[in-house]
Every structure is written in structure tokens, then in C-alpha cells.
């Protein structure tokens, strides 16, 4: 694993090499995916402040649609009412 507090760069490199999906509210991962080749897959969560249970339910409900966008998508942004995909 990556340890208790891995840096963004450590997460990025591990995700890229292991073909993981980075799920984050942090726009830094979105920006990095746009300029990096090849980037790991990034799910940019744009739900605002929600309780953990609501977050988990929303993401679980949308996950099949999110997953269907990969591997072509670089970034899938998740909103309450829609997905936005960057290829």
C-alpha cells in the first residue's frame, strides 16, 4: 500500500502503474490528467459537501455509468445530476 499520508505524486504514479482509478474531490488530479500522458483514470467528484453515506450511495448508483466510460475517458466528473467525460 501507499502508507498513511501518501503525496499526490505517489498516488498518481501508483495509480498509473497499477491501472487504478483515482477518485478525488481534488481538482489537482483533474488538471494533471489533462496534461499527462498516459494518465491514470480519474473520477473527479463534484458533489459538494455531503455526508459520507450520501456520497457512497450516489457514487455506487452512478458507478456502472462511470466505469463504462473507461478506458477511453481520461476523466469522469461526477455531479448530482450528470456525468461529464473528458477523453
C-alpha atoms as a PDB file:
ATOM      1  CA  UNK A   1       0.000   0.000   0.000  1.00  0.00           C
ATOM      2  CA  UNK A   2       0.929   3.641  -0.042  1.00  0.00           C
ATOM      3  CA  UNK A   3       1.071   4.354   3.663  1.00  0.00           C
ATOM      4  CA  UNK A   4      -0.834   6.736   5.886  1.00  0.00           C
ATOM      5  CA  UNK A   5      -0.403  10.040   4.023  1.00  0.00           C
ATOM      6  CA  UNK A   6       0.909   9.496   0.510  1.00  0.00           C
ATOM      7  CA  UNK A   7       1.662  12.530  -1.617  1.00  0.00           C
ATOM      8  CA  UNK A   8      -0.405  13.275  -4.706  1.00  0.00           C
ATOM      9  CA  UNK A   9       2.592  12.239  -6.811  1.00  0.00           C
ATOM     10  CA  UNK A  10       2.834   8.886  -5.032  1.00  0.00           C
ATOM     11  CA  UNK A  11      -0.880   8.249  -5.563  1.00  0.00           C
ATOM     12  CA  UNK A  12      -0.609   9.344  -9.200  1.00  0.00           C
ATOM     13  CA  UNK A  13       2.343   7.131 -10.057  1.00  0.00           C
ATOM     14  CA  UNK A  14       0.955   4.094  -8.268  1.00  0.00           C
ATOM     15  CA  UNK A  15      -2.441   4.522  -9.940  1.00  0.00           C
ATOM     16  CA  UNK A  16      -0.807   4.880 -13.340  1.00  0.00           C
ATOM     17  CA  UNK A  17       1.456   1.853 -12.954  1.00  0.00           C
ATOM     18  CA  UNK A  18      -1.192  -0.397 -11.362  1.00  0.00           C
ATOM     19  CA  UNK A  19      -4.068   0.855 -13.584  1.00  0.00           C
ATOM     20  CA  UNK A  20      -6.089   2.088 -10.607  1.00  0.00           C
ATOM     21  CA  UNK A  21      -8.836   4.695 -10.697  1.00  0.00           C
ATOM     22  CA  UNK A  22      -8.149   7.844  -8.673  1.00  0.00           C
ATOM     23  CA  UNK A  23     -11.392   9.050  -7.060  1.00  0.00           C
ATOM     24  CA  UNK A  24     -10.965  12.528  -5.638  1.00  0.00           C
ATOM     25  CA  UNK A  25     -12.633  15.865  -4.980  1.00  0.00           C
ATOM     26  CA  UNK A  26      -9.226  17.474  -5.568  1.00  0.00           C
ATOM     27  CA  UNK A  27      -9.090  19.397  -8.862  1.00  0.00           C
ATOM     28  CA  UNK A  28      -5.316  18.913  -8.948  1.00  0.00           C
ATOM     29  CA  UNK A  29      -5.853  15.349 -10.209  1.00  0.00           C
ATOM     30  CA  UNK A  30      -8.192  16.618 -12.921  1.00  0.00           C
ATOM     31  CA  UNK A  31      -5.662  19.184 -14.131  1.00  0.00           C
ATOM     32  CA  UNK A  32      -2.832  16.697 -14.002  1.00  0.00           C
ATOM     33  CA  UNK A  33      -4.811  14.185 -16.078  1.00  0.00           C
ATOM     34  CA  UNK A  34      -5.299  16.766 -18.812  1.00  0.00           C
ATOM     35  CA  UNK A  35      -1.563  17.312 -19.309  1.00  0.00           C
ATOM     36  CA  UNK A  36      -0.166  13.875 -18.517  1.00  0.00           C
ATOM     37  CA  UNK A  37       0.248  11.043 -20.972  1.00  0.00           C
ATOM     38  CA  UNK A  38      -0.797   8.471 -20.196  1.00  0.00           C
ATOM     39  CA  UNK A  39      -2.668   9.459 -17.059  1.00  0.00           C
ATOM     40  CA  UNK A  40      -4.334   7.054 -14.665  1.00  0.00           C
ATOM     41  CA  UNK A  41      -8.107   7.140 -14.827  1.00  0.00           C
ATOM     42  CA  UNK A  42      -9.541   9.950 -12.717  1.00  0.00           C
ATOM     43  CA  UNK A  43     -13.016  10.313 -11.247  1.00  0.00           C
ATOM     44  CA  UNK A  44     -13.421  13.926 -10.174  1.00  0.00           C
ATOM     45  CA  UNK A  45     -16.183  14.082  -7.571  1.00  0.00           C
ATOM     46  CA  UNK A  46     -18.160  17.330  -7.774  1.00  0.00           C
ATOM     47  CA  UNK A  47     -20.861  16.700  -5.176  1.00  0.00           C
ATOM     48  CA  UNK A  48     -20.035  19.498  -2.754  1.00  0.00           C
ATOM     49  CA  UNK A  49     -20.286  18.834   0.949  1.00  0.00           C
ATOM     50  CA  UNK A  50     -22.379  15.744   1.529  1.00  0.00           C
ATOM     51  CA  UNK A  51     -22.493  13.181   4.295  1.00  0.00           C
ATOM     52  CA  UNK A  52     -20.359  10.085   3.733  1.00  0.00           C
ATOM     53  CA  UNK A  53     -23.401   7.837   3.404  1.00  0.00           C
ATOM     54  CA  UNK A  54     -24.937  10.100   0.742  1.00  0.00           C
ATOM     55  CA  UNK A  55     -21.584  10.232  -1.080  1.00  0.00           C
ATOM     56  CA  UNK A  56     -21.295   6.442  -1.057  1.00  0.00           C
ATOM     57  CA  UNK A  57     -24.878   5.945  -2.235  1.00  0.00           C
ATOM     58  CA  UNK A  58     -24.558   8.477  -5.062  1.00  0.00           C
ATOM     59  CA  UNK A  59     -21.239   7.099  -6.258  1.00  0.00           C
ATOM     60  CA  UNK A  60     -22.419   3.480  -6.021  1.00  0.00           C
ATOM     61  CA  UNK A  61     -25.519   4.320  -8.043  1.00  0.00           C
ATOM     62  CA  UNK A  62     -23.519   6.086 -10.740  1.00  0.00           C
ATOM     63  CA  UNK A  63     -20.525   3.740 -10.763  1.00  0.00           C
ATOM     64  CA  UNK A  64     -21.726   1.455 -13.603  1.00  0.00           C
ATOM     65  CA  UNK A  65     -22.040   4.523 -15.854  1.00  0.00           C
ATOM     66  CA  UNK A  66     -18.657   5.842 -14.681  1.00  0.00           C
ATOM     67  CA  UNK A  67     -16.958   2.514 -15.253  1.00  0.00           C
ATOM     68  CA  UNK A  68     -18.468   2.215 -18.740  1.00  0.00           C
ATOM     69  CA  UNK A  69     -16.549   5.353 -19.795  1.00  0.00           C
ATOM     70  CA  UNK A  70     -13.156   3.756 -19.151  1.00  0.00           C
ATOM     71  CA  UNK A  71     -10.685   3.059 -20.742  1.00  0.00           C
ATOM     72  CA  UNK A  72     -11.441   5.740 -23.343  1.00  0.00           C
ATOM     73  CA  UNK A  73     -12.034   8.547 -20.828  1.00  0.00           C
ATOM     74  CA  UNK A  74      -9.217  10.375 -19.072  1.00  0.00           C
ATOM     75  CA  UNK A  75     -11.532  11.991 -16.532  1.00  0.00           C
ATOM     76  CA  UNK A  76     -15.119  11.430 -15.499  1.00  0.00           C
ATOM     77  CA  UNK A  77     -16.558  14.255 -13.396  1.00  0.00           C
ATOM     78  CA  UNK A  78     -19.457  13.182 -11.201  1.00  0.00           C
ATOM     79  CA  UNK A  79     -22.181  15.686 -10.326  1.00  0.00           C
ATOM     80  CA  UNK A  80     -25.505  15.114  -8.544  1.00  0.00           C
ATOM     81  CA  UNK A  81     -27.400  15.179 -11.828  1.00  0.00           C
ATOM     82  CA  UNK A  82     -24.897  14.222 -14.527  1.00  0.00           C
ATOM     83  CA  UNK A  83     -21.509  12.933 -15.617  1.00  0.00           C
ATOM     84  CA  UNK A  84     -19.051  14.931 -17.687  1.00  0.00           C
ATOM     85  CA  UNK A  85     -16.453  12.960 -19.613  1.00  0.00           C
ATOM     86  CA  UNK A  86     -13.096  14.145 -20.939  1.00  0.00           C
ATOM     87  CA  UNK A  87     -11.465  11.879 -23.488  1.00  0.00           C
END
